[in-house]
Amino acid sequence: MITLKVNNDSVFAVDFNKEEVKLNGKAVVSDWVTIAPNKYHVILNHQSYTLELLGKDETGKQLTLMVNGQKQVVAIEDQYDALLKQLGMDKMVANKVNEVKAPMPGLVLRILVEEGQSVKKGDGLLVLEAMKMENVIKATGEGVVKKIAVATKVAVDKNQVMLVME
């Protein structure tokens, strides 16, 4: 099951399987046809919709759609996002643009970047030891390290800002 949040307002729980589609727990009649690349004709509960995919942000799990001539931004949350939220780790993901926060209490073993350094998505930023395991904290997107707010061999608390990005 996935959760769709449309324009930061309406929320829909959608469950797909081979036989049916459920919307907010109720089975719905649905069909769709590809009209052109990134353009679809959808019938949902006997209502017709024309959808065009204008853009997608895979990191932020968002789609920008044109639905019957109206622009809609759809945020997607799957079972893994729900688990992160349940564990309280969603705040780390939400603040990925400006701040890199500690996902858990631990000890900073190594800082792998310097202030002013450009980083790409997936680059290692620092190594955090937590529960006797070394965890490499990686960049969630491109940016420049503006400030390093921690030092090696220093303990950090959960959600403590370790790096500031720009």
N, C-alpha and C. Protein backbone atom coordinates (compact mmCIF):
# COMPACT_ATOMS: atom_id res chain seq x y z
N MET A 1 0.84 -1.17 0.00
CA MET A 1 0.00 0.00 0.00
C MET A 1 0.89 1.24 0.00
N ILE A 2 0.43 2.25 -0.73
CA ILE A 2 1.12 3.53 -0.73
C ILE A 2 0.14 4.63 -0.33
N THR A 3 0.69 5.73 0.15
CA THR A 3 -0.12 6.88 0.49
C THR A 3 0.24 8.00 -0.47
N LEU A 4 -0.78 8.63 -1.05
CA LEU A 4 -0.58 9.74 -1.96
C LEU A 4 -1.13 11.01 -1.31
N LYS A 5 -0.31 12.05 -1.27
CA LYS A 5 -0.74 13.33 -0.72
C LYS A 5 -0.73 14.33 -1.88
N VAL A 6 -1.92 14.83 -2.24
CA VAL A 6 -2.07 15.69 -3.40
C VAL A 6 -2.08 17.15 -2.97
N ASN A 7 -1.15 17.93 -3.55
CA ASN A 7 -1.02 19.36 -3.25
C ASN A 7 -0.93 19.65 -1.76
N ASN A 8 -0.27 18.76 -1.03
CA ASN A 8 -0.07 18.92 0.41
C ASN A 8 -1.39 19.05 1.16
N ASP A 9 -2.45 18.44 0.60
CA ASP A 9 -3.78 18.61 1.16
C ASP A 9 -4.51 17.26 1.27
N SER A 10 -5.04 16.78 0.19
CA SER A 10 -5.81 15.54 0.18
C SER A 10 -4.90 14.32 0.29
N VAL A 11 -5.29 13.36 1.12
CA VAL A 11 -4.49 12.15 1.33
C VAL A 11 -5.31 10.94 0.91
N PHE A 12 -4.68 10.05 0.12
CA PHE A 12 -5.34 8.85 -0.35
C PHE A 12 -4.47 7.64 -0.06
N ALA A 13 -5.06 6.58 0.48
CA ALA A 13 -4.36 5.31 0.67
C ALA A 13 -4.72 4.44 -0.52
N VAL A 14 -3.71 4.00 -1.26
CA VAL A 14 -3.94 3.22 -2.48
C VAL A 14 -3.28 1.86 -2.33
N ASP A 15 -4.04 0.82 -2.64
CA ASP A 15 -3.54 -0.55 -2.56
C ASP A 15 -3.74 -1.20 -3.93
N PHE A 16 -2.63 -1.60 -4.57
CA PHE A 16 -2.69 -2.23 -5.88
C PHE A 16 -2.44 -3.72 -5.74
N ASN A 17 -3.22 -4.52 -6.44
CA ASN A 17 -2.87 -5.92 -6.63
C ASN A 17 -3.36 -6.32 -8.01
N LYS A 18 -3.17 -7.56 -8.42
CA LYS A 18 -3.49 -7.97 -9.79
C LYS A 18 -4.98 -7.89 -10.09
N GLU A 19 -5.82 -8.11 -9.12
CA GLU A 19 -7.26 -8.17 -9.37
C GLU A 19 -7.96 -6.82 -9.23
N GLU A 20 -7.50 -5.98 -8.30
CA GLU A 20 -8.25 -4.75 -8.05
C GLU A 20 -7.36 -3.64 -7.49
N VAL A 21 -7.94 -2.45 -7.50
CA VAL A 21 -7.31 -1.28 -6.89
C VAL A 21 -8.24 -0.83 -5.77
N LYS A 22 -7.66 -0.58 -4.60
CA LYS A 22 -8.44 -0.07 -3.48
C LYS A 22 -7.99 1.35 -3.18
N LEU A 23 -8.97 2.23 -3.01
CA LEU A 23 -8.72 3.62 -2.67
C LEU A 23 -9.36 3.88 -1.33
N ASN A 24 -8.52 4.20 -0.33
CA ASN A 24 -8.99 4.39 1.05
C ASN A 24 -9.80 3.19 1.54
N GLY A 25 -9.33 1.98 1.17
CA GLY A 25 -9.94 0.74 1.65
C GLY A 25 -11.12 0.24 0.85
N LYS A 26 -11.57 1.00 -0.15
CA LYS A 26 -12.72 0.59 -0.95
C LYS A 26 -12.27 0.25 -2.36
N ALA A 27 -12.77 -0.88 -2.88
CA ALA A 27 -12.44 -1.29 -4.25
C ALA A 27 -13.01 -0.27 -5.23
N VAL A 28 -12.22 0.08 -6.24
CA VAL A 28 -12.67 1.02 -7.27
C VAL A 28 -12.50 0.38 -8.65
N VAL A 29 -13.36 0.78 -9.57
CA VAL A 29 -13.25 0.35 -10.95
C VAL A 29 -12.22 1.25 -11.61
N SER A 30 -11.21 0.64 -12.24
CA SER A 30 -10.16 1.46 -12.83
C SER A 30 -9.63 0.84 -14.12
N ASP A 31 -9.15 1.72 -14.99
CA ASP A 31 -8.50 1.29 -16.23
C ASP A 31 -7.66 2.47 -16.70
N TRP A 32 -6.57 2.18 -17.41
CA TRP A 32 -5.75 3.25 -17.94
C TRP A 32 -5.09 2.82 -19.23
N VAL A 33 -4.85 3.82 -20.09
CA VAL A 33 -4.24 3.59 -21.40
C VAL A 33 -3.19 4.67 -21.62
N THR A 34 -2.04 4.27 -22.16
CA THR A 34 -1.01 5.24 -22.50
C THR A 34 -1.38 5.90 -23.83
N ILE A 35 -1.50 7.22 -23.82
CA ILE A 35 -1.85 7.97 -25.03
C ILE A 35 -0.58 8.35 -25.80
N ALA A 36 0.41 8.80 -25.06
CA ALA A 36 1.69 9.23 -25.62
C ALA A 36 2.71 9.07 -24.49
N PRO A 37 4.00 9.24 -24.79
CA PRO A 37 4.96 9.16 -23.69
C PRO A 37 4.59 10.15 -22.58
N ASN A 38 4.51 9.65 -21.37
CA ASN A 38 4.17 10.44 -20.17
C ASN A 38 2.76 11.02 -20.18
N LYS A 39 1.88 10.49 -21.02
CA LYS A 39 0.49 10.97 -21.06
C LYS A 39 -0.45 9.76 -21.05
N TYR A 40 -1.46 9.82 -20.17
CA TYR A 40 -2.33 8.67 -19.94
C TYR A 40 -3.79 9.09 -19.88
N HIS A 41 -4.65 8.14 -20.26
CA HIS A 41 -6.09 8.31 -20.07
C HIS A 41 -6.48 7.31 -18.99
N VAL A 42 -7.09 7.81 -17.90
CA VAL A 42 -7.42 6.97 -16.75
C VAL A 42 -8.92 7.05 -16.49
N ILE A 43 -9.52 5.90 -16.23
CA ILE A 43 -10.91 5.85 -15.79
C ILE A 43 -10.88 5.31 -14.37
N LEU A 44 -11.46 6.09 -13.46
CA LEU A 44 -11.47 5.73 -12.04
C LEU A 44 -12.89 5.93 -11.52
N ASN A 45 -13.51 4.84 -11.12
CA ASN A 45 -14.91 4.88 -10.66
C ASN A 45 -15.82 5.57 -11.68
N HIS A 46 -15.67 5.16 -12.94
CA HIS A 46 -16.50 5.63 -14.05
C HIS A 46 -16.30 7.11 -14.37
N GLN A 47 -15.23 7.73 -13.88
CA GLN A 47 -14.90 9.11 -14.24
C GLN A 47 -13.61 9.10 -15.05
N SER A 48 -13.57 9.92 -16.09
CA SER A 48 -12.45 9.97 -17.01
C SER A 48 -11.47 11.08 -16.63
N TYR A 49 -10.18 10.76 -16.69
CA TYR A 49 -9.13 11.73 -16.38
C TYR A 49 -8.04 11.63 -17.44
N THR A 50 -7.47 12.77 -17.80
CA THR A 50 -6.29 12.80 -18.65
C THR A 50 -5.13 13.23 -17.76
N LEU A 51 -4.11 12.39 -17.68
CA LEU A 51 -2.94 12.66 -16.84
C LEU A 51 -1.72 12.83 -17.72
N GLU A 52 -0.92 13.84 -17.39
CA GLU A 52 0.36 14.02 -18.06
C GLU A 52 1.42 14.19 -16.99
N LEU A 53 2.48 13.39 -17.08
CA LEU A 53 3.59 13.48 -16.14
C LEU A 53 4.49 14.64 -16.58
N LEU A 54 4.52 15.69 -15.77
CA LEU A 54 5.35 16.86 -16.07
C LEU A 54 6.75 16.74 -15.50
N GLY A 55 6.87 16.06 -14.36
CA GLY A 55 8.18 15.91 -13.74
C GLY A 55 8.12 14.96 -12.57
N LYS A 56 9.30 14.44 -12.22
CA LYS A 56 9.36 13.57 -11.05
C LYS A 56 10.65 13.81 -10.29
N ASP A 57 10.52 13.77 -8.97
CA ASP A 57 11.65 13.92 -8.07
C ASP A 57 11.75 12.61 -7.31
N GLU A 58 12.64 11.73 -7.77
CA GLU A 58 12.73 10.40 -7.16
C GLU A 58 13.28 10.46 -5.75
N THR A 59 14.17 11.42 -5.47
CA THR A 59 14.71 11.55 -4.12
C THR A 59 13.63 11.98 -3.15
N GLY A 60 12.88 12.98 -3.53
CA GLY A 60 11.80 13.49 -2.68
C GLY A 60 10.50 12.74 -2.84
N LYS A 61 10.48 11.76 -3.75
CA LYS A 61 9.29 10.94 -4.03
C LYS A 61 8.07 11.81 -4.32
N GLN A 62 8.22 12.66 -5.33
CA GLN A 62 7.12 13.53 -5.74
C GLN A 62 6.95 13.48 -7.25
N LEU A 63 5.69 13.54 -7.68
CA LEU A 63 5.35 13.65 -9.09
C LEU A 63 4.64 14.97 -9.31
N THR A 64 4.92 15.60 -10.44
CA THR A 64 4.15 16.77 -10.85
C THR A 64 3.34 16.33 -12.05
N LEU A 65 2.02 16.40 -11.92
CA LEU A 65 1.10 15.92 -12.94
C LEU A 65 0.19 17.05 -13.41
N MET A 66 -0.26 16.93 -14.65
CA MET A 66 -1.34 17.77 -15.16
C MET A 66 -2.54 16.82 -15.24
N VAL A 67 -3.57 17.09 -14.43
CA VAL A 67 -4.76 16.24 -14.38
C VAL A 67 -5.93 17.07 -14.90
N ASN A 68 -6.44 16.68 -16.07
CA ASN A 68 -7.54 17.41 -16.70
C ASN A 68 -7.27 18.92 -16.75
N GLY A 69 -6.02 19.27 -17.08
CA GLY A 69 -5.66 20.67 -17.24
C GLY A 69 -5.25 21.39 -15.97
N GLN A 70 -5.26 20.70 -14.84
CA GLN A 70 -4.87 21.33 -13.57
C GLN A 70 -3.59 20.68 -13.05
N LYS A 71 -2.63 21.53 -12.68
CA LYS A 71 -1.35 21.04 -12.16
C LYS A 71 -1.53 20.51 -10.74
N GLN A 72 -1.01 19.31 -10.49
CA GLN A 72 -1.10 18.67 -9.18
C GLN A 72 0.29 18.16 -8.79
N VAL A 73 0.66 18.37 -7.54
CA VAL A 73 1.91 17.81 -7.01
C VAL A 73 1.52 16.68 -6.07
N VAL A 74 2.03 15.48 -6.36
CA VAL A 74 1.66 14.29 -5.60
C VAL A 74 2.89 13.75 -4.88
N ALA A 75 2.83 13.73 -3.56
CA ALA A 75 3.90 13.14 -2.74
C ALA A 75 3.54 11.68 -2.49
N ILE A 76 4.52 10.80 -2.63
CA ILE A 76 4.29 9.37 -2.51
C ILE A 76 4.99 8.85 -1.27
N GLU A 77 4.28 8.09 -0.45
CA GLU A 77 4.86 7.46 0.74
C GLU A 77 4.57 5.96 0.65
N ASP A 78 5.64 5.15 0.65
CA ASP A 78 5.45 3.70 0.62
C ASP A 78 5.66 3.13 2.03
N GLN A 79 5.66 1.80 2.12
CA GLN A 79 5.76 1.16 3.44
C GLN A 79 7.10 1.46 4.12
N TYR A 80 8.15 1.71 3.33
CA TYR A 80 9.46 2.01 3.92
C TYR A 80 9.47 3.43 4.51
N ASP A 81 8.83 4.36 3.81
CA ASP A 81 8.71 5.72 4.36
C ASP A 81 7.90 5.70 5.65
N ALA A 82 6.83 4.90 5.67
CA ALA A 82 5.99 4.80 6.87
C ALA A 82 6.81 4.24 8.03
N LEU A 83 7.67 3.25 7.75
CA LEU A 83 8.52 2.67 8.79
C LEU A 83 9.51 3.71 9.32
N LEU A 84 10.14 4.47 8.42
CA LEU A 84 11.06 5.53 8.85
C LEU A 84 10.35 6.54 9.73
N LYS A 85 9.13 6.90 9.36
CA LYS A 85 8.34 7.85 10.15
C LYS A 85 8.05 7.27 11.52
N GLN A 86 7.69 5.99 11.55
CA GLN A 86 7.37 5.31 12.82
C GLN A 86 8.60 5.27 13.73
N LEU A 87 9.78 5.12 13.14
CA LEU A 87 11.02 5.07 13.92
C LEU A 87 11.56 6.46 14.24
N GLY A 88 10.90 7.50 13.74
CA GLY A 88 11.34 8.86 14.01
C GLY A 88 12.49 9.32 13.14
N MET A 89 12.76 8.58 12.07
CA MET A 89 13.89 8.94 11.21
C MET A 89 13.46 9.77 10.01
N ASP A 90 12.19 10.07 9.88
CA ASP A 90 11.71 10.87 8.75
C ASP A 90 12.21 12.30 8.81
N LYS A 91 12.50 12.81 9.98
CA LYS A 91 12.95 14.19 10.10
C LYS A 91 14.33 14.37 9.47
N MET A 92 15.15 13.32 9.51
CA MET A 92 16.45 13.40 8.86
C MET A 92 16.26 13.55 7.35
N VAL A 93 15.32 12.82 6.79
CA VAL A 93 15.07 12.90 5.35
C VAL A 93 14.48 14.26 5.00
N ALA A 94 13.58 14.77 5.82
CA ALA A 94 12.93 16.05 5.53
C ALA A 94 13.91 17.21 5.54
N ASN A 95 14.98 17.14 6.31
CA ASN A 95 15.93 18.23 6.41
C ASN A 95 17.16 18.03 5.54
N LYS A 96 17.07 17.19 4.54
CA LYS A 96 18.24 16.83 3.75
C LYS A 96 18.84 17.98 2.97
N VAL A 97 18.06 18.99 2.64
CA VAL A 97 18.55 20.07 1.80
C VAL A 97 19.57 20.93 2.52
N ASN A 98 19.29 21.32 3.76
CA ASN A 98 20.15 22.27 4.45
C ASN A 98 21.01 21.66 5.56
N GLU A 99 20.49 20.68 6.26
CA GLU A 99 21.20 20.16 7.42
C GLU A 99 21.32 18.64 7.36
N VAL A 100 22.47 18.15 7.78
CA VAL A 100 22.66 16.72 7.94
C VAL A 100 22.65 16.46 9.44
N LYS A 101 21.64 15.72 9.89
CA LYS A 101 21.48 15.47 11.32
C LYS A 101 21.82 14.03 11.65
N ALA A 102 22.23 13.81 12.89
CA ALA A 102 22.56 12.45 13.35
C ALA A 102 21.27 11.62 13.38
N PRO A 103 21.26 10.47 12.71
CA PRO A 103 20.06 9.63 12.71
C PRO A 103 19.86 8.90 14.03
N MET A 104 20.94 8.86 14.84
CA MET A 104 20.89 8.17 16.13
C MET A 104 22.04 8.70 16.98
N PRO A 105 22.01 8.49 18.29
CA PRO A 105 23.15 8.90 19.11
C PRO A 105 24.39 8.10 18.72
N GLY A 106 25.55 8.72 18.80
CA GLY A 106 26.76 7.99 18.45
C GLY A 106 28.00 8.85 18.62
N LEU A 107 29.12 8.34 18.12
CA LEU A 107 30.42 9.00 18.22
C LEU A 107 30.94 9.26 16.81
N VAL A 108 31.33 10.49 16.53
CA VAL A 108 31.88 10.83 15.22
C VAL A 108 33.30 10.27 15.15
N LEU A 109 33.53 9.30 14.27
CA LEU A 109 34.86 8.70 14.14
C LEU A 109 35.73 9.46 13.15
N ARG A 110 35.16 9.78 11.98
CA ARG A 110 35.92 10.47 10.94
C ARG A 110 35.01 11.45 10.21
N ILE A 111 35.58 12.58 9.84
CA ILE A 111 34.88 13.53 8.97
C ILE A 111 35.55 13.42 7.61
N LEU A 112 34.76 13.10 6.59
CA LEU A 112 35.30 12.79 5.27
C LEU A 112 35.30 13.98 4.31
N VAL A 113 34.76 15.11 4.74
CA VAL A 113 34.68 16.29 3.88
C VAL A 113 35.25 17.51 4.59
N GLU A 114 35.43 18.59 3.84
CA GLU A 114 35.90 19.85 4.39
C GLU A 114 34.90 20.94 4.04
N GLU A 115 34.88 22.01 4.81
CA GLU A 115 34.02 23.14 4.50
C GLU A 115 34.38 23.69 3.13
N GLY A 116 33.36 24.01 2.35
CA GLY A 116 33.58 24.52 1.00
C GLY A 116 33.66 23.44 -0.06
N GLN A 117 33.69 22.18 0.35
CA GLN A 117 33.81 21.08 -0.59
C GLN A 117 32.46 20.78 -1.24
N SER A 118 32.48 20.56 -2.56
CA SER A 118 31.28 20.15 -3.28
C SER A 118 31.10 18.65 -3.13
N VAL A 119 29.84 18.23 -2.94
CA VAL A 119 29.54 16.81 -2.82
C VAL A 119 28.39 16.45 -3.75
N LYS A 120 28.38 15.18 -4.15
CA LYS A 120 27.30 14.65 -4.98
C LYS A 120 26.48 13.68 -4.15
N LYS A 121 25.31 13.37 -4.63
CA LYS A 121 24.45 12.40 -3.96
C LYS A 121 25.21 11.09 -3.79
N GLY A 122 25.20 10.56 -2.57
CA GLY A 122 25.86 9.29 -2.29
C GLY A 122 27.27 9.42 -1.76
N ASP A 123 27.88 10.61 -1.84
CA ASP A 123 29.23 10.81 -1.31
C ASP A 123 29.21 10.67 0.21
N GLY A 124 30.23 10.03 0.77
CA GLY A 124 30.36 9.91 2.22
C GLY A 124 30.71 11.25 2.84
N LEU A 125 30.02 11.61 3.92
CA LEU A 125 30.27 12.89 4.59
C LEU A 125 31.05 12.69 5.88
N LEU A 126 30.62 11.70 6.68
CA LEU A 126 31.32 11.39 7.92
C LEU A 126 30.97 9.98 8.36
N VAL A 127 31.74 9.47 9.31
CA VAL A 127 31.52 8.13 9.84
C VAL A 127 31.07 8.28 11.28
N LEU A 128 29.92 7.69 11.59
CA LEU A 128 29.33 7.76 12.92
C LEU A 128 29.29 6.35 13.49
N GLU A 129 29.85 6.18 14.70
CA GLU A 129 29.79 4.89 15.36
C GLU A 129 28.59 4.90 16.30
N ALA A 130 27.72 3.91 16.11
CA ALA A 130 26.55 3.78 16.97
C ALA A 130 26.31 2.29 17.20
N MET A 131 26.08 1.92 18.42
CA MET A 131 25.84 0.52 18.80
C MET A 131 26.94 -0.40 18.26
N LYS A 132 28.18 0.05 18.38
CA LYS A 132 29.38 -0.70 18.00
C LYS A 132 29.45 -0.99 16.50
N MET A 133 28.73 -0.19 15.71
CA MET A 133 28.77 -0.32 14.25
C MET A 133 29.16 1.02 13.65
N GLU A 134 29.96 0.97 12.58
CA GLU A 134 30.33 2.19 11.87
C GLU A 134 29.31 2.45 10.77
N ASN A 135 28.76 3.65 10.76
CA ASN A 135 27.76 4.04 9.76
C ASN A 135 28.29 5.23 8.97
N VAL A 136 28.39 5.08 7.66
CA VAL A 136 28.81 6.19 6.81
C VAL A 136 27.57 7.02 6.50
N ILE A 137 27.60 8.27 6.89
CA ILE A 137 26.50 9.18 6.61
C ILE A 137 26.79 9.79 5.24
N LYS A 138 25.85 9.61 4.30
CA LYS A 138 26.07 10.02 2.92
C LYS A 138 25.22 11.23 2.54
N ALA A 139 25.67 11.94 1.53
CA ALA A 139 24.92 13.08 1.01
C ALA A 139 23.66 12.59 0.32
N THR A 140 22.54 13.25 0.58
CA THR A 140 21.27 12.87 -0.05
C THR A 140 21.04 13.62 -1.35
N GLY A 141 21.93 14.53 -1.67
CA GLY A 141 21.83 15.29 -2.92
C GLY A 141 23.10 16.08 -3.14
N GLU A 142 23.13 16.83 -4.22
CA GLU A 142 24.30 17.65 -4.51
C GLU A 142 24.30 18.90 -3.64
N GLY A 143 25.48 19.40 -3.35
CA GLY A 143 25.57 20.63 -2.56
C GLY A 143 27.01 20.93 -2.19
N VAL A 144 27.16 21.97 -1.39
CA VAL A 144 28.47 22.39 -0.90
C VAL A 144 28.40 22.39 0.62
N VAL A 145 29.43 21.84 1.25
CA VAL A 145 29.49 21.81 2.72
C VAL A 145 29.75 23.24 3.19
N LYS A 146 28.75 23.81 3.86
CA LYS A 146 28.87 25.19 4.34
C LYS A 146 29.55 25.24 5.70
N LYS A 147 29.17 24.30 6.59
CA LYS A 147 29.72 24.32 7.95
C LYS A 147 29.77 22.90 8.49
N ILE A 148 30.86 22.57 9.17
CA ILE A 148 30.97 21.31 9.89
C ILE A 148 30.74 21.64 11.36
N ALA A 149 29.67 21.10 11.93
CA ALA A 149 29.25 21.46 13.28
C ALA A 149 29.69 20.46 14.34
N VAL A 150 30.49 19.46 13.96
CA VAL A 150 30.97 18.45 14.91
C VAL A 150 32.47 18.26 14.72
N ALA A 151 33.07 17.52 15.64
CA ALA A 151 34.49 17.19 15.54
C ALA A 151 34.65 15.69 15.75
N THR A 152 35.80 15.16 15.34
CA THR A 152 36.05 13.73 15.54
C THR A 152 36.16 13.43 17.03
N LYS A 153 35.79 12.21 17.36
CA LYS A 153 35.83 11.69 18.74
C LYS A 153 34.87 12.43 19.68
N VAL A 154 33.84 13.07 19.10
CA VAL A 154 32.84 13.79 19.88
C VAL A 154 31.51 13.07 19.75
N ALA A 155 30.82 12.89 20.87
CA ALA A 155 29.51 12.23 20.87
C ALA A 155 28.44 13.19 20.35
N VAL A 156 27.48 12.63 19.61
CA VAL A 156 26.35 13.41 19.12
C VAL A 156 25.05 12.75 19.56
N ASP A 157 24.02 13.57 19.70
CA ASP A 157 22.69 13.09 20.05
C ASP A 157 21.86 12.90 18.78
N LYS A 158 20.80 12.13 18.89
CA LYS A 158 19.89 11.94 17.77
C LYS A 158 19.35 13.31 17.33
N ASN A 159 19.31 13.53 16.02
CA ASN A 159 18.83 14.76 15.39
C ASN A 159 19.72 15.98 15.61
N GLN A 160 20.92 15.78 16.16
CA GLN A 160 21.87 16.90 16.30
C GLN A 160 22.43 17.24 14.92
N VAL A 161 22.50 18.53 14.61
CA VAL A 161 23.05 18.96 13.33
C VAL A 161 24.54 18.67 13.31
N MET A 162 24.99 17.93 12.28
CA MET A 162 26.41 17.61 12.15
C MET A 162 27.06 18.43 11.04
N LEU A 163 26.32 18.66 9.95
CA LEU A 163 26.82 19.45 8.83
C LEU A 163 25.71 20.36 8.33
N VAL A 164 26.11 21.51 7.81
CA VAL A 164 25.16 22.41 7.15
C VAL A 164 25.57 22.48 5.69
N MET A 165 24.60 22.26 4.81
CA MET A 165 24.85 22.26 3.36
C MET A 165 24.21 23.48 2.73
N GLU A 166 24.71 23.84 1.56
CA GLU A 166 24.05 24.90 0.79
C GLU A 166 23.94 24.49 -0.65
